[in-house]
Amino acid sequence: MRFISTRAHGALDYLTAALLILLPYILGFADGGAAQWVPQALGVALILYALFTDYEYAAMRIIPMRVHLFLDIASGLLLAISPWLFGFAEWVFWPHLIVGLFEIGAALFTRTVPSTVAHGVADKYHEF
């Protein structure tokens, strides 16, 4: 069951992106290595594709919500496995794993149709 609205998901996107960018500094793993740049790169990427997603907090509604959610799942998976993939798991892994799993969960439980659409015509969209 998808119970997170696209409006709430949009707010979570920008908050999560800010968290990903700032987390290395907040938790003290901003040493210039992969532990720092992976979450920061994913945070910047999240801002960029959120700005162009077909939902309430976008600058331009170009990317379909289903594509956005797929990108969230892929990004969350990469973030969650990055400590082992890039070899910094012995130093830090909990923030990457937790935020990555959060991204995946949020994507899986978010509705695929915005509550308000670009031209105010909600009937042409069907939620599956």
C-alpha atoms as a PDB file:
ATOM      1  CA  MET A   1       0.000   0.000   0.000  1.00  0.00           C
ATOM      2  CA  ARG A   2       1.358   3.394  -1.040  1.00  0.00           C
ATOM      3  CA  PHE A   3       0.470   5.901   1.664  1.00  0.00           C
ATOM      4  CA  ILE A   4       3.084   8.646   1.198  1.00  0.00           C
ATOM      5  CA  SER A   5       1.765  11.475  -0.976  1.00  0.00           C
ATOM      6  CA  THR A   6       3.964  12.912  -3.699  1.00  0.00           C
ATOM      7  CA  ARG A   7       3.826  16.232  -1.845  1.00  0.00           C
ATOM      8  CA  ALA A   8       5.256  14.642   1.313  1.00  0.00           C
ATOM      9  CA  HIS A   9       7.778  12.712  -0.778  1.00  0.00           C
ATOM     10  CA  GLY A  10       8.919  15.957  -2.401  1.00  0.00           C
ATOM     11  CA  ALA A  11       9.571  17.526   0.992  1.00  0.00           C
ATOM     12  CA  LEU A  12      11.439  14.388   2.060  1.00  0.00           C
ATOM     13  CA  ASP A  13      13.526  14.563  -1.128  1.00  0.00           C
ATOM     14  CA  TYR A  14      14.902  18.013  -0.394  1.00  0.00           C
ATOM     15  CA  LEU A  15      15.417  17.256   3.313  1.00  0.00           C
ATOM     16  CA  THR A  16      17.163  13.967   2.495  1.00  0.00           C
ATOM     17  CA  ALA A  17      19.352  15.665  -0.105  1.00  0.00           C
ATOM     18  CA  ALA A  18      20.430  18.319   2.412  1.00  0.00           C
ATOM     19  CA  LEU A  19      21.102  15.594   4.984  1.00  0.00           C
ATOM     20  CA  LEU A  20      23.203  13.602   2.511  1.00  0.00           C
ATOM     21  CA  ILE A  21      25.290  16.662   1.679  1.00  0.00           C
ATOM     22  CA  LEU A  22      25.802  17.709   5.317  1.00  0.00           C
ATOM     23  CA  LEU A  23      26.018  14.303   7.038  1.00  0.00           C
ATOM     24  CA  PRO A  24      29.754  13.765   6.465  1.00  0.00           C
ATOM     25  CA  TYR A  25      30.468  17.055   8.278  1.00  0.00           C
ATOM     26  CA  ILE A  26      27.919  16.467  11.036  1.00  0.00           C
ATOM     27  CA  LEU A  27      29.174  12.947  11.831  1.00  0.00           C
ATOM     28  CA  GLY A  28      32.851  13.592  11.185  1.00  0.00           C
ATOM     29  CA  PHE A  29      33.654  11.512   8.128  1.00  0.00           C
ATOM     30  CA  ALA A  30      34.367  14.415   5.742  1.00  0.00           C
ATOM     31  CA  ASP A  31      37.900  13.362   4.817  1.00  0.00           C
ATOM     32  CA  GLY A  32      37.562  13.666   1.045  1.00  0.00           C
ATOM     33  CA  GLY A  33      37.205   9.923   0.485  1.00  0.00           C
ATOM     34  CA  ALA A  34      34.344   7.810  -0.789  1.00  0.00           C
ATOM     35  CA  ALA A  35      32.591   7.853   2.608  1.00  0.00           C
ATOM     36  CA  GLN A  36      32.118  11.583   2.043  1.00  0.00           C
ATOM     37  CA  TRP A  37      31.659  11.951  -1.699  1.00  0.00           C
ATOM     38  CA  VAL A  38      29.153   9.110  -2.218  1.00  0.00           C
ATOM     39  CA  PRO A  39      26.403  10.622  -0.040  1.00  0.00           C
ATOM     40  CA  GLN A  40      27.209  14.134  -1.220  1.00  0.00           C
ATOM     41  CA  ALA A  41      27.082  13.179  -4.911  1.00  0.00           C
ATOM     42  CA  LEU A  42      23.809  11.322  -4.360  1.00  0.00           C
ATOM     43  CA  GLY A  43      22.424  14.333  -2.471  1.00  0.00           C
ATOM     44  CA  VAL A  44      23.254  16.672  -5.358  1.00  0.00           C
ATOM     45  CA  ALA A  45      21.811  14.174  -7.858  1.00  0.00           C
ATOM     46  CA  LEU A  46      18.632  13.932  -5.771  1.00  0.00           C
ATOM     47  CA  ILE A  47      18.184  17.710  -5.845  1.00  0.00           C
ATOM     48  CA  LEU A  48      18.691  17.756  -9.606  1.00  0.00           C
ATOM     49  CA  TYR A  49      16.187  15.044 -10.466  1.00  0.00           C
ATOM     50  CA  ALA A  50      13.706  16.310  -7.850  1.00  0.00           C
ATOM     51  CA  LEU A  51      13.700  19.699  -9.548  1.00  0.00           C
ATOM     52  CA  PHE A  52      12.537  18.042 -12.780  1.00  0.00           C
ATOM     53  CA  THR A  53      10.099  15.440 -11.409  1.00  0.00           C
ATOM     54  CA  ASP A  54       6.374  15.570 -12.150  1.00  0.00           C
ATOM     55  CA  TYR A  55       5.305  16.467  -8.608  1.00  0.00           C
ATOM     56  CA  GLU A  56       4.402  19.445  -6.449  1.00  0.00           C
ATOM     57  CA  TYR A  57       7.893  20.734  -5.566  1.00  0.00           C
ATOM     58  CA  ALA A  58       9.452  20.651  -9.034  1.00  0.00           C
ATOM     59  CA  ALA A  59      10.728  23.583 -11.044  1.00  0.00           C
ATOM     60  CA  MET A  60       9.795  21.795 -14.291  1.00  0.00           C
ATOM     61  CA  ARG A  61       7.642  18.666 -14.454  1.00  0.00           C
ATOM     62  CA  ILE A  62       9.578  16.493 -16.895  1.00  0.00           C
ATOM     63  CA  ILE A  63      10.523  13.220 -15.152  1.00  0.00           C
ATOM     64  CA  PRO A  64       7.570  10.861 -14.467  1.00  0.00           C
ATOM     65  CA  MET A  65       7.057   9.980 -10.806  1.00  0.00           C
ATOM     66  CA  ARG A  66       7.647   6.283 -11.494  1.00  0.00           C
ATOM     67  CA  VAL A  67      11.077   7.093 -12.967  1.00  0.00           C
ATOM     68  CA  HIS A  68      11.845   9.295  -9.964  1.00  0.00           C
ATOM     69  CA  LEU A  69      10.940   6.478  -7.579  1.00  0.00           C
ATOM     70  CA  PHE A  70      13.125   4.045  -9.558  1.00  0.00           C
ATOM     71  CA  LEU A  71      16.015   6.533  -9.243  1.00  0.00           C
ATOM     72  CA  ASP A  72      15.340   6.745  -5.488  1.00  0.00           C
ATOM     73  CA  ILE A  73      15.517   2.956  -5.164  1.00  0.00           C
ATOM     74  CA  ALA A  74      18.725   2.766  -7.224  1.00  0.00           C
ATOM     75  CA  SER A  75      20.278   5.650  -5.284  1.00  0.00           C
ATOM     76  CA  GLY A  76      19.225   4.160  -1.950  1.00  0.00           C
ATOM     77  CA  LEU A  77      20.671   0.794  -2.894  1.00  0.00           C
ATOM     78  CA  LEU A  78      23.973   2.342  -3.990  1.00  0.00           C
ATOM     79  CA  LEU A  79      24.149   4.395  -0.794  1.00  0.00           C
ATOM     80  CA  ALA A  80      23.331   1.384   1.410  1.00  0.00           C
ATOM     81  CA  ILE A  81      26.005  -0.858  -0.137  1.00  0.00           C
ATOM     82  CA  SER A  82      28.605   1.875  -0.742  1.00  0.00           C
ATOM     83  CA  PRO A  83      30.597   1.201   2.467  1.00  0.00           C
ATOM     84  CA  TRP A  84      31.331  -2.331   1.257  1.00  0.00           C
ATOM     85  CA  LEU A  85      31.494  -1.462  -2.433  1.00  0.00           C
ATOM     86  CA  PHE A  86      34.082   1.293  -1.889  1.00  0.00           C
ATOM     87  CA  GLY A  87      35.876  -0.274   1.079  1.00  0.00           C
ATOM     88  CA  PHE A  88      35.161   2.077   3.971  1.00  0.00           C
ATOM     89  CA  ALA A  89      32.810  -0.176   5.973  1.00  0.00           C
ATOM     90  CA  GLU A  90      35.394  -0.701   8.726  1.00  0.00           C
ATOM     91  CA  TRP A  91      35.424   3.033   9.345  1.00  0.00           C
ATOM     92  CA  VAL A  92      31.778   4.109   8.838  1.00  0.00           C
ATOM     93  CA  PHE A  93      28.708   2.380   7.445  1.00  0.00           C
ATOM     94  CA  TRP A  94      25.628   3.025   9.625  1.00  0.00           C
ATOM     95  CA  PRO A  95      24.687   6.459   8.187  1.00  0.00           C
ATOM     96  CA  HIS A  96      24.967   5.171   4.609  1.00  0.00           C
ATOM     97  CA  LEU A  97      23.006   2.010   5.351  1.00  0.00           C
ATOM     98  CA  ILE A  98      20.243   3.742   7.324  1.00  0.00           C
ATOM     99  CA  VAL A  99      19.659   6.619   4.895  1.00  0.00           C
ATOM    100  CA  GLY A 100      19.899   4.246   1.912  1.00  0.00           C
ATOM    101  CA  LEU A 101      17.256   1.929   3.364  1.00  0.00           C
ATOM    102  CA  PHE A 102      15.108   4.963   4.231  1.00  0.00           C
ATOM    103  CA  GLU A 103      15.278   6.111   0.580  1.00  0.00           C
ATOM    104  CA  ILE A 104      14.248   2.665  -0.653  1.00  0.00           C
ATOM    105  CA  GLY A 105      11.364   2.469   1.836  1.00  0.00           C
ATOM    106  CA  ALA A 106      10.115   5.947   0.989  1.00  0.00           C
ATOM    107  CA  ALA A 107      10.165   5.089  -2.720  1.00  0.00           C
ATOM    108  CA  LEU A 108       8.269   1.839  -2.205  1.00  0.00           C
ATOM    109  CA  PHE A 109       5.512   3.517  -0.190  1.00  0.00           C
ATOM    110  CA  THR A 110       5.029   6.699  -2.247  1.00  0.00           C
ATOM    111  CA  ARG A 111       2.057   7.154  -4.540  1.00  0.00           C
ATOM    112  CA  THR A 112       2.918   7.335  -8.221  1.00  0.00           C
ATOM    113  CA  VAL A 113       0.466  10.107  -9.151  1.00  0.00           C
ATOM    114  CA  PRO A 114       0.875  13.679  -7.896  1.00  0.00           C
ATOM    115  CA  SER A 115      -2.088  15.073  -5.984  1.00  0.00           C
ATOM    116  CA  THR A 116      -1.959  18.112  -8.257  1.00  0.00           C
ATOM    117  CA  VAL A 117      -0.869  17.734 -11.832  1.00  0.00           C
ATOM    118  CA  ALA A 118       0.689  20.300 -14.151  1.00  0.00           C
ATOM    119  CA  HIS A 119      -2.558  21.462 -15.751  1.00  0.00           C
ATOM    120  CA  GLY A 120      -4.927  20.585 -12.912  1.00  0.00           C
ATOM    121  CA  VAL A 121      -6.354  17.534 -14.685  1.00  0.00           C
ATOM    122  CA  ALA A 122      -6.054  14.655 -12.270  1.00  0.00           C
ATOM    123  CA  ASP A 123      -8.508  12.312 -14.048  1.00  0.00           C
ATOM    124  CA  LYS A 124      -6.140  11.439 -16.883  1.00  0.00           C
ATOM    125  CA  TYR A 125      -3.772   9.777 -14.410  1.00  0.00           C
ATOM    126  CA  HIS A 126      -4.475   6.378 -12.964  1.00  0.00           C
ATOM    127  CA  GLU A 127      -2.780   5.023  -9.856  1.00  0.00           C
ATOM    128  CA  PHE A 128      -1.831   1.376  -9.896  1.00  0.00           C
END
